[in-house]
Structure formats: structure tokens, C-alpha cells
Protein backbone atom coordinates (compact mmCIF):
# COMPACT_ATOMS: atom_id res chain seq x y z
CA MET A 1 74.76 216.39 80.93
CA CYS A 2 71.40 218.12 81.25
CA PRO A 3 68.36 217.02 79.22
CA LEU A 4 67.44 219.31 76.37
CA LEU A 5 64.04 221.00 76.32
CA ASN A 6 63.18 221.27 72.64
CA PRO A 7 60.72 223.88 71.33
CA TYR A 8 57.62 222.78 69.44
CA ARG A 9 58.74 222.20 65.86
CA PRO A 10 56.61 222.02 62.69
CA ILE A 11 57.19 219.28 60.11
CA ARG A 12 55.70 219.13 56.60
CA ILE A 13 54.61 215.84 55.08
CA GLY A 14 54.07 215.43 51.35
CA SER A 15 50.72 213.87 50.41
CA THR A 16 52.17 211.72 47.59
CA LYS A 17 54.76 210.20 49.91
CA GLY A 18 52.06 209.63 52.53
CA LEU A 19 49.83 207.79 50.09
CA ALA A 20 52.73 205.60 48.99
CA LEU A 21 53.47 204.71 52.63
CA PHE A 22 49.82 203.88 53.27
CA LEU A 23 49.67 201.52 50.30
CA CYS A 24 52.99 199.94 51.32
CA LEU A 25 51.70 199.30 54.85
CA PHE A 26 48.39 197.91 53.63
CA PHE A 27 49.66 195.53 50.97
CA SER A 28 52.58 194.29 53.08
CA GLY A 29 50.10 193.24 55.78
CA LEU A 30 51.40 195.69 58.40
CA LEU A 31 48.19 197.73 58.34
CA ILE A 32 45.28 195.51 59.41
CA PRO A 33 41.71 196.58 60.30
CA PHE A 34 41.00 194.71 63.55
CA LEU A 35 38.15 194.98 66.05
CA SER A 36 38.35 192.43 68.88
CA ILE A 37 39.75 191.79 72.35
CA ALA A 38 42.90 189.76 72.96
CA GLN A 39 44.09 187.99 76.11
CA THR A 40 47.48 188.97 77.54
CA ASN A 41 49.97 187.83 80.19
CA LEU A 42 49.82 189.68 83.52
CA THR A 43 52.82 188.40 85.48
CA ASP A 44 55.43 191.02 86.42
CA THR A 45 57.95 191.79 89.13
CA LEU A 46 60.59 194.51 89.52
CA SER A 47 63.87 194.30 91.43
CA THR A 48 66.54 196.91 92.14
CA GLN A 49 68.45 195.65 89.11
CA ASP A 50 65.55 196.55 86.79
CA LEU A 51 65.37 200.02 85.31
CA GLY A 52 61.60 199.88 85.70
CA TYR A 53 62.03 199.62 89.46
CA TYR A 54 63.41 203.17 89.60
CA LEU A 55 60.56 204.43 87.42
CA VAL A 56 57.95 202.98 89.77
CA GLN A 57 59.92 204.09 92.84
CA ALA A 58 60.11 207.67 91.62
CA PHE A 59 56.40 207.88 90.77
CA ASN A 60 55.34 206.23 94.04
CA ALA A 61 57.56 208.36 96.31
CA ASP A 62 55.70 210.39 98.91
CA GLN A 63 58.04 213.38 98.63
CA SER A 64 60.16 214.71 95.77
CA THR A 65 63.26 214.22 97.92
CA ASP A 66 62.43 210.49 98.18
CA ARG A 67 62.75 209.95 94.42
CA GLN A 68 65.96 208.07 93.75
CA PRO A 69 68.17 209.76 91.13
CA ILE A 70 70.17 207.37 88.97
CA ASN A 71 72.60 207.61 86.08
CA HIS A 72 70.73 206.73 82.90
CA LEU A 73 70.78 207.28 79.15
CA GLY A 74 67.09 207.98 78.57
CA ILE A 75 66.10 204.60 77.14
CA GLU A 76 63.69 201.76 77.74
CA GLY A 77 64.88 198.30 76.75
CA THR A 78 64.52 194.57 76.95
CA LYS A 79 67.12 191.82 77.38
CA VAL A 80 68.02 189.92 74.20
CA THR A 81 70.79 187.43 73.43
CA LYS A 82 73.36 190.00 72.36
CA GLY A 83 72.58 192.79 74.81
CA ILE A 84 69.78 195.27 75.56
CA MET A 85 67.36 196.01 72.72
CA VAL A 86 66.10 199.59 72.87
CA THR A 87 62.29 199.74 72.92
CA GLY A 88 61.95 203.46 73.60
CA VAL A 89 64.06 206.62 73.61
CA LEU A 90 63.19 209.65 75.74
CA GLU A 91 63.21 212.84 73.69
CA GLY A 92 65.99 215.24 74.64
CA TYR A 93 68.01 212.75 76.70
CA PRO A 94 71.56 211.42 76.03
CA ALA A 95 70.64 208.43 73.84
CA HIS A 96 68.27 210.55 71.77
CA ALA A 97 70.89 213.27 71.38
CA VAL A 98 73.42 210.88 69.78
CA GLY A 99 70.90 209.15 67.53
CA ILE A 100 70.21 205.88 69.38
CA ARG A 101 66.84 204.66 68.18
CA ARG A 102 64.18 202.04 68.80
CA GLY A 103 65.42 198.64 67.63
CA ASP A 104 69.11 199.25 68.31
CA THR A 105 70.78 196.64 70.51
CA ILE A 106 73.29 198.09 72.98
CA LEU A 107 76.20 195.65 73.22
CA SER A 108 78.76 197.23 75.53
CA ALA A 109 79.79 200.34 77.43
CA ASN A 110 83.52 201.04 77.76
CA ASP A 111 84.18 197.54 76.37
CA GLU A 112 82.15 195.84 79.11
CA PRO A 113 78.73 194.14 78.65
CA PHE A 114 75.98 196.75 79.04
CA HIS A 115 73.41 196.64 81.83
CA PRO A 116 70.96 199.58 81.97
CA VAL A 117 71.27 199.91 85.76
CA LEU A 118 74.52 198.32 86.98
CA THR A 119 76.79 199.61 84.20
CA LEU A 120 75.97 203.21 85.04
CA ASN A 121 75.32 202.70 88.76
CA PRO A 122 77.82 200.10 90.03
CA GLY A 123 76.78 200.71 93.65
CA ALA A 124 73.08 200.01 93.00
CA ARG A 125 73.18 196.65 94.78
CA ARG A 126 74.29 198.51 97.92
CA GLU A 127 71.83 201.36 97.25
CA ILE A 128 74.71 203.76 96.55
CA PHE A 129 74.11 206.21 93.70
CA GLU A 130 76.53 208.93 92.65
CA PRO A 131 76.74 211.08 89.51
CA ASP A 132 79.02 209.58 86.86
CA LEU A 133 80.67 212.42 84.95
CA ASP A 134 82.92 210.26 82.79
CA PRO A 135 82.06 209.86 79.07
CA ILE A 136 80.76 206.46 78.00
CA ASN A 137 81.93 204.70 74.84
CA LEU A 138 78.83 202.84 73.71
CA SER A 139 78.79 200.02 71.16
CA TYR A 140 75.47 199.04 69.60
CA LEU A 141 74.11 196.88 66.82
CA ARG A 142 71.90 198.36 64.10
CA ASN A 143 70.72 196.10 61.30
CA ASN A 144 73.68 193.71 61.68
CA THR A 145 76.19 196.58 61.69
CA ILE A 146 78.11 197.45 64.88
CA GLN A 147 78.29 201.20 65.52
CA THR A 148 79.88 203.25 68.29
CA THR A 149 79.13 206.55 69.94
CA ARG A 150 80.29 208.59 72.91
CA LEU A 151 77.95 210.16 75.43
CA ASN A 152 77.43 211.09 79.07
CA ALA A 153 74.71 209.75 81.33
CA VAL A 154 72.31 212.09 83.09
CA PHE A 155 71.89 211.80 86.87
CA GLU A 156 68.18 212.30 87.56
CA ASN A 157 65.17 210.51 88.97
CA LEU A 158 62.95 208.96 86.32
CA PHE A 159 59.86 210.87 87.41
CA ASP A 160 61.53 214.12 86.35
CA SER A 161 63.03 212.52 83.25
CA TYR A 162 59.70 211.21 81.99
CA ARG A 163 57.99 214.54 82.67
CA THR A 164 60.66 216.39 80.72
CA ALA A 165 60.53 213.90 77.85
CA THR A 166 56.76 214.45 77.62
CA ARG A 167 57.29 218.18 77.14
CA ASN A 168 60.10 217.53 74.67
CA SER A 169 57.90 215.25 72.57
CA VAL A 170 55.36 217.90 71.52
CA LEU A 171 55.22 218.45 67.73
CA GLU A 172 53.06 219.98 65.02
CA PHE A 173 52.70 218.50 61.53
CA ASN A 174 51.48 220.47 58.53
CA SER A 175 50.06 218.83 55.40
CA GLY A 176 48.42 221.22 52.98
CA ASN A 177 46.00 223.32 54.99
CA LYS A 178 45.74 220.75 57.81
CA VAL A 179 47.67 220.80 61.08
CA ILE A 180 48.15 217.79 63.36
CA GLY A 181 49.56 217.96 66.89
CA TYR A 182 51.44 215.23 68.70
CA ILE A 183 52.14 214.43 72.38
CA ARG A 184 53.86 211.37 73.80
CA LEU A 185 52.69 210.88 77.38
CA TRP A 186 55.79 209.31 78.89
CA ALA A 187 54.51 210.55 82.24
CA ILE A 188 50.98 211.01 83.55
CA SER A 189 51.05 212.91 86.81
CA ARG A 190 48.42 214.27 89.20
CA SER A 191 50.63 217.02 90.61
CA THR A 192 49.22 220.52 90.21
CA HIS A 193 52.31 221.64 88.28
CA ASP A 194 52.09 218.73 85.83
CA LEU A 195 48.35 219.12 85.33
CA ASN A 196 48.91 222.80 84.51
CA THR A 197 51.66 221.81 82.08
CA PHE A 198 49.35 219.27 80.45
CA ARG A 199 46.69 221.93 79.97
CA GLU A 200 49.29 224.38 78.60
CA ILE A 201 50.41 221.81 76.03
CA LEU A 202 46.83 221.14 74.92
CA THR A 203 46.14 224.87 74.74
CA SER A 204 49.18 225.30 72.49
CA LEU A 205 47.76 222.58 70.20
CA ASP A 206 44.13 223.70 70.34
CA HIS A 207 44.35 225.17 66.82
CA CYS A 208 45.31 221.76 65.39
CA ASP A 209 42.76 219.94 63.26
CA GLY A 210 43.59 216.69 65.06
CA ILE A 211 45.92 215.43 67.81
CA ILE A 212 47.92 212.21 68.04
CA LEU A 213 48.14 211.09 71.66
CA ASP A 214 50.98 208.57 71.95
CA LEU A 215 50.31 206.22 74.86
CA ARG A 216 52.87 203.56 73.99
CA SER A 217 54.77 202.71 77.16
CA GLY A 218 54.84 205.50 79.76
CA TYR A 219 53.84 205.43 83.41
CA GLY A 220 51.96 207.43 86.00
CA PHE A 221 48.68 208.18 87.73
CA ILE A 222 45.74 209.72 85.93
CA ASP A 223 43.60 212.58 87.20
CA HIS A 224 40.06 213.70 86.41
CA ILE A 225 41.50 216.70 84.57
CA HIS A 226 43.10 214.42 81.98
CA PHE A 227 39.67 213.08 81.03
CA ALA A 228 38.00 216.49 81.28
CA SER A 229 40.53 217.84 78.78
CA PHE A 230 38.99 215.64 76.06
CA LEU A 231 35.53 214.63 77.30
CA SER A 232 32.44 216.77 77.70
CA ASP A 233 30.21 216.39 80.76
CA ASN A 234 27.88 214.11 78.80
CA GLU A 235 30.80 211.98 77.59
CA LEU A 236 32.23 211.75 81.10
CA ARG A 237 28.86 210.63 82.40
CA SER A 238 28.41 208.11 79.62
CA ILE A 239 31.92 206.61 79.72
CA LEU A 240 33.01 206.98 83.35
CA GLY A 241 29.63 207.22 85.04
CA LYS A 242 30.16 210.69 86.44
CA SER A 243 30.14 214.28 85.26
CA SER A 244 33.05 216.67 85.22
CA LYS A 245 33.86 218.35 88.50
CA ILE A 246 36.04 220.92 86.75
CA GLU A 247 33.60 223.39 85.23
CA SER A 248 36.35 225.69 83.93
CA LEU A 249 37.42 223.00 81.42
CA ALA A 250 34.02 222.90 79.72
CA SER A 251 34.92 225.65 77.25
CA SER A 252 38.44 224.33 76.58
CA THR A 253 37.75 220.62 76.08
CA TYR A 254 39.45 219.43 72.90
CA ARG A 255 36.60 218.28 70.63
CA LYS A 256 38.39 217.51 67.37
CA PRO A 257 39.55 214.09 66.03
CA LEU A 258 42.05 212.09 68.09
CA GLY A 259 44.52 209.42 67.03
CA ILE A 260 45.57 207.18 69.94
CA LEU A 261 48.82 205.19 69.60
CA ILE A 262 49.16 202.01 71.67
CA ASP A 263 51.33 198.88 71.66
CA ASN A 264 51.98 195.86 73.88
CA GLN A 265 53.84 198.11 76.34
CA THR A 266 50.73 200.25 76.96
CA SER A 267 49.54 199.38 80.46
CA GLY A 268 48.34 200.86 83.75
CA ARG A 269 46.83 204.32 83.65
CA ASN A 270 47.99 204.91 80.06
CA GLU A 271 46.02 201.85 79.00
CA PHE A 272 42.96 202.94 80.96
CA PHE A 273 43.18 206.42 79.39
CA ALA A 274 43.46 204.94 75.90
CA SER A 275 40.55 202.56 76.53
CA ALA A 276 38.31 205.38 77.77
CA LEU A 277 39.12 207.70 74.88
CA ALA A 278 38.57 204.81 72.44
CA GLN A 279 34.84 205.00 73.30
CA LEU A 280 34.56 208.34 71.46
CA SER A 281 33.31 208.34 67.89
CA ARG A 282 35.94 210.94 66.97
CA THR A 283 38.79 208.69 68.17
CA VAL A 284 40.71 206.11 66.14
CA VAL A 285 43.17 203.76 67.88
CA ILE A 286 46.28 202.71 65.94
CA GLY A 287 49.10 200.30 66.78
CA ASP A 288 49.21 196.93 68.49
CA THR A 289 47.14 195.27 71.22
CA SER A 290 47.79 196.77 74.65
CA ALA A 291 48.92 194.75 77.66
CA GLY A 292 45.59 194.29 79.44
CA LYS A 293 47.28 195.29 82.71
CA PHE A 294 45.24 198.03 84.36
CA GLY A 295 46.62 197.48 87.86
CA THR A 296 49.58 199.03 89.67
CA PHE A 297 52.92 198.09 91.18
CA GLN A 298 53.08 197.87 94.96
CA LYS A 299 55.97 197.43 97.37
CA ASN A 300 56.68 193.79 98.10
CA LYS A 301 55.24 192.86 101.49
CA ARG A 302 56.55 189.31 101.45
CA ASN A 303 59.96 187.88 100.72
CA THR A 304 59.40 185.85 97.54
CA ARG A 305 63.07 185.18 96.82
CA ALA A 306 65.96 184.03 98.95
CA ASP A 307 68.00 187.10 98.04
CA ASP A 308 65.06 189.44 98.75
CA THR A 309 65.70 191.40 95.54
CA VAL A 310 62.07 191.75 94.47
CA LYS A 311 60.85 195.13 95.65
CA PHE A 312 57.74 195.84 93.56
CA LEU A 313 55.03 193.36 92.57
CA TYR A 314 52.30 193.94 90.02
CA GLU A 315 48.80 193.90 91.51
CA PRO A 316 46.00 193.38 88.98
CA GLN A 317 43.08 195.76 88.93
CA ALA A 318 40.36 194.68 91.36
CA ASN A 319 37.07 193.53 89.84
CA ALA A 320 35.20 196.31 91.62
CA GLU A 321 37.34 198.92 89.84
CA GLN A 322 36.79 197.55 86.34
CA TYR A 323 34.80 199.29 83.63
CA LYS A 324 33.27 197.48 80.70
CA PHE A 325 35.96 198.95 78.43
CA ALA A 326 38.89 198.17 80.76
CA ILE A 327 38.88 194.60 82.03
CA GLU A 328 42.02 193.14 83.57
CA GLY A 329 43.58 190.60 81.24
CA GLN A 330 41.90 191.94 78.12
CA GLY A 331 44.04 194.27 76.06
CA LEU A 332 42.62 197.03 73.88
CA VAL A 333 42.85 196.01 70.24
CA PRO A 334 43.23 198.98 67.89
CA ASP A 335 40.87 199.97 65.10
CA GLN A 336 43.88 199.81 62.78
CA LYS A 337 46.41 197.20 63.79
CA VAL A 338 49.85 198.26 62.57
CA LEU A 339 52.60 195.77 63.36
CA PHE A 340 55.88 197.37 64.38
CA PRO A 341 57.99 194.82 66.30
CA PHE A 342 60.91 196.15 68.31
CA ASN A 343 63.41 194.25 66.19
CA LYS A 344 62.28 196.11 63.07
CA ASN A 345 64.96 198.78 63.04
CA ILE A 346 64.12 201.68 60.74
CA ALA A 347 64.58 205.43 61.00
CA GLY A 348 60.83 206.06 60.91
CA ASP A 349 57.85 204.92 62.97
CA LEU A 350 55.26 202.83 61.10
CA GLN A 351 52.59 203.25 63.75
CA PHE A 352 53.07 206.99 63.96
CA ASP A 353 53.00 207.37 60.16
CA ALA A 354 49.77 205.37 60.01
CA ALA A 355 48.24 207.63 62.68
CA VAL A 356 49.11 210.76 60.68
CA LEU A 357 47.58 209.31 57.51
CA THR A 358 44.48 208.19 59.38
CA LEU A 359 43.86 211.63 60.89
CA LEU A 360 44.45 213.32 57.53
CA GLY A 361 41.71 211.10 56.13
CA THR A 362 39.19 212.13 58.81
CA ILE A 363 39.77 215.85 59.38
């Protein structure tokens, strides 16, 4: 099954419904003005039985041929008592195509307990990966109701999957005479092709009155061009301590309001990007406190377990690399704190809806 590449699609939002949602969020305590720094936990390891291992492996590979393809459904998840709770769904991938959503708990696949790596890649422990063409009967829990669906996994490295999902995520929202664009940066890449794609996406949204940049979760390595796409030379100098080296971007820098979405999964380069853009007066940050983990994952150089399964270890950002707005261990706290725990299973997205309303109030 190949991932779908969806065209940009406009969506209209009624102002009355939006106001009602805003009031509901505010009076229920889910929308909270908040302006401080919170401490977070930094410990993390990845083994070959973790889906995140194959994400890091694919992004860190020296050559495209070194990126390990795996069978996967296009989800991110966390272990809970009953199974794997879905914390993210890649746009255009198998789980997204059949309606799996954030907050669902996957119970079983073909009547066996579900594991995001071993269920779909039984040879993973022996580093054997082969395409699985057989349909999967998936059972999942949604709001105390067990549901079933049938789907096929995709066999692809996660670097390519996250890049494709980024392109698939692009949207435009119309409300009255205002237009808001949206991008979810599942992948941040420094490759020339991906930087060109990033610029093409921003160019396609340049007419928008505001852009929502979704930096919840995601992975990658940031490039100067990402900053230069939003920051002027003066802003680059003020925030990062250097001026833009890409003169051609000066006339195409996006200068309109930005809504930045973050949560406790926002880390690494995504978190650094969010923290830098948060310094702009035209930016508002919405969501939950980020992870405070600005470092990277590195290959394990020491055997820390008897079974030698740990392959990537998190290395905190060195003090010399820290900026005043991005300090290891201190997460970015949003201007508007909107609580949206993963176990809150609804069809919508409270943080996204709050971002749309916030931008409509500023543009």
C-alpha cells in the first residue's frame, strides 16, 4: 500500500461555532494563559524494539540506501495497560486512511497483542525486514468501545514517511475574508530537495493572512534556511546572533502572524525552532509545555544492558550550544496553554482549534 499524497484542501469555519468553542475551552479550564518555564525529564533510550529507533536511524543514516525500511501503519504511540495508545497519525498513511485517530488504543492485530515493531516485522530482532503484503485485522479501543478495521502496512523507511506526511499535512482554512495556512512539520530535513520543498510549501501559503506551524512531535535536523524563511536579517541577528547568509530569501520571508503548536512531545530541533520563533512579536505559541530536550540521539558507544539492545542514547544539548531561549531541561511554555491529553479521544483537535481562533483574533 503506497502512501497517499493529498492536494492542499480548503476548509471553511463558521465564526459562531468558533466563538462557542473558544468559550467552551476557556470556561472548562482547557484554555489557560500561561507565561513561565517548566522543568522536564530528560532521560531517554531507544532499542531496536522501539519504533522511534527506526525514525532516528533513518534520519541519521549517511546514505539513503542505509535507511532501514520497515512495515508500519503511520502512527506514533505509547504503551498503556491495554495496548498501544496512538499519540500521532501520519497524514496519508494506512492508519490515517482507515480513520485511526489520536487517543485510540490499538489492542490486537490478527487476534494477537499489537506491538508497533514486532507485530509487523517479526524478524526485527534478527535485523530481518521484508514487505508484509497480507491485510491486517486491527482491533482498537475508542472511548470504551472496541472497533475493528482492516488495512495493509506500508514498507518504507521513516525518513521518507515523515517527509511525505509533512507534504500531506498542508491545508488552507477560510473564515470570512481571512485565510489561514497550516503545516505539520513531521520531518525537518537539511537535504537540498527537502529545503526546496519547504520553500515551495511556504510559497504556496504566502497569500495566507496567518500560518499555523505544527511542531508537536516530529524529528529532524534544522537548517539556516528554515529560520530565514520566517526571520529577517535583523531578527536573525537579534535572536540567533547572526545575519542571514541566504540573501535570496530576503524578499520572500514570511512576515505575517504565526501560530506555533507545541506539546510535551516537542523536542530536539522542532523545539529549538519553536523556541526561536516564539521570540517574535507576531508569534503566539499554543498547546502544552514542550519537553525541554534540545539534544540529539547518538549511537550507543557502550553496552549498558546485558542483552545489548540499546542502540541510541539521548545526549543533552551542551552548555556551549545553548541560547537564552533554549536551555536544556527547560521546556517552552506556551502563551496559551491548551490541555489536550492523549487519552482525550475526540474527533477534533483542541489545540489546533485554539490556534485557528487565536490567529483569527490577530490578523
